[in-house]
Amino acid sequence: MSRPAPEAIATARRQLEAALGGLVQMLTRLRVEHRNALLQRIAPHLEAARRAAERLAALEGRPGPEDRR
């Protein structure tokens, strides 16, 4: 890989993980009924984003979000 590619991957992974973290923080502040209603609609998208962050981490050779739990 050329030099800019690993930096771009690292930046994309960090931004994606930050966005996921922000969404989780926002969801935890909601009332249970609102959180559950939102999660029903966005859960597939959150899962896709989590998998994408893991793939980016694998490209970097780093542990992904799943590995850091």
Protein backbone atom coordinates (compact mmCIF):
# COMPACT_ATOMS: atom_id res chain seq x y z
CA MET A 1 0.00 0.00 0.00
CA SER A 2 1.15 3.49 -0.68
CA ARG A 3 1.77 5.78 2.28
CA PRO A 4 -1.48 7.81 1.99
CA ALA A 5 -3.62 4.65 1.93
CA PRO A 6 -2.77 3.45 5.49
CA GLU A 7 -3.30 6.98 6.82
CA ALA A 8 -6.65 7.23 5.04
CA ILE A 9 -7.71 3.84 6.44
CA ALA A 10 -6.68 4.86 9.97
CA THR A 11 -8.54 8.17 9.67
CA ALA A 12 -11.67 6.48 8.33
CA ARG A 13 -11.59 3.89 11.13
CA ARG A 14 -11.17 6.53 13.84
CA GLN A 15 -13.99 8.66 12.43
CA LEU A 16 -16.30 5.69 12.07
CA GLU A 17 -15.61 4.51 15.62
CA ALA A 18 -16.11 8.05 16.95
CA ALA A 19 -19.45 8.30 15.15
CA LEU A 20 -20.56 4.95 16.55
CA GLY A 21 -19.49 5.99 20.03
CA GLY A 22 -21.43 9.23 19.72
CA LEU A 23 -24.55 7.40 18.63
CA VAL A 24 -24.30 4.96 21.53
CA GLN A 25 -23.86 7.84 24.00
CA MET A 26 -26.89 9.61 22.51
CA LEU A 27 -28.98 6.45 22.73
CA THR A 28 -28.09 5.85 26.37
CA ARG A 29 -29.49 9.26 27.31
CA LEU A 30 -32.91 8.56 25.80
CA ARG A 31 -35.92 7.16 27.59
CA VAL A 32 -36.15 3.41 27.21
CA GLU A 33 -39.19 3.51 24.94
CA HIS A 34 -37.55 6.07 22.62
CA ARG A 35 -34.26 4.20 22.60
CA ASN A 36 -35.97 0.91 21.76
CA ALA A 37 -38.00 2.50 18.96
CA LEU A 38 -34.87 4.04 17.44
CA LEU A 39 -32.82 0.88 17.82
CA GLN A 40 -35.41 -1.12 15.91
CA ARG A 41 -34.91 1.18 12.95
CA ILE A 42 -31.16 1.80 13.09
CA ALA A 43 -29.78 -1.48 14.46
CA PRO A 44 -28.96 -2.90 11.00
CA HIS A 45 -27.10 0.29 10.11
CA LEU A 46 -25.18 0.30 13.40
CA GLU A 47 -24.18 -3.31 12.83
CA ALA A 48 -23.03 -2.56 9.27
CA ALA A 49 -20.95 0.36 10.55
CA ARG A 50 -19.43 -1.81 13.28
CA ARG A 51 -18.47 -4.46 10.72
CA ALA A 52 -16.97 -1.77 8.48
CA ALA A 53 -14.87 -0.48 11.39
CA GLU A 54 -13.67 -4.02 12.04
CA ARG A 55 -12.69 -4.47 8.38
CA LEU A 56 -10.78 -1.19 8.44
CA ALA A 57 -9.03 -2.25 11.64
CA ALA A 58 -8.10 -5.57 10.01
CA LEU A 59 -6.59 -3.69 7.06
CA GLU A 60 -4.51 -1.75 9.57
CA GLY A 61 -3.55 -4.91 11.42
CA ARG A 62 -5.16 -3.57 14.62
CA PRO A 63 -7.84 -5.01 16.88
CA GLY A 64 -11.29 -3.79 15.91
CA PRO A 65 -14.11 -2.59 18.17
CA GLU A 66 -15.23 -6.19 18.78
CA ASP A 67 -11.75 -7.21 19.97
CA ARG A 68 -11.47 -4.37 22.51
CA ARG A 69 -14.48 -5.33 24.61
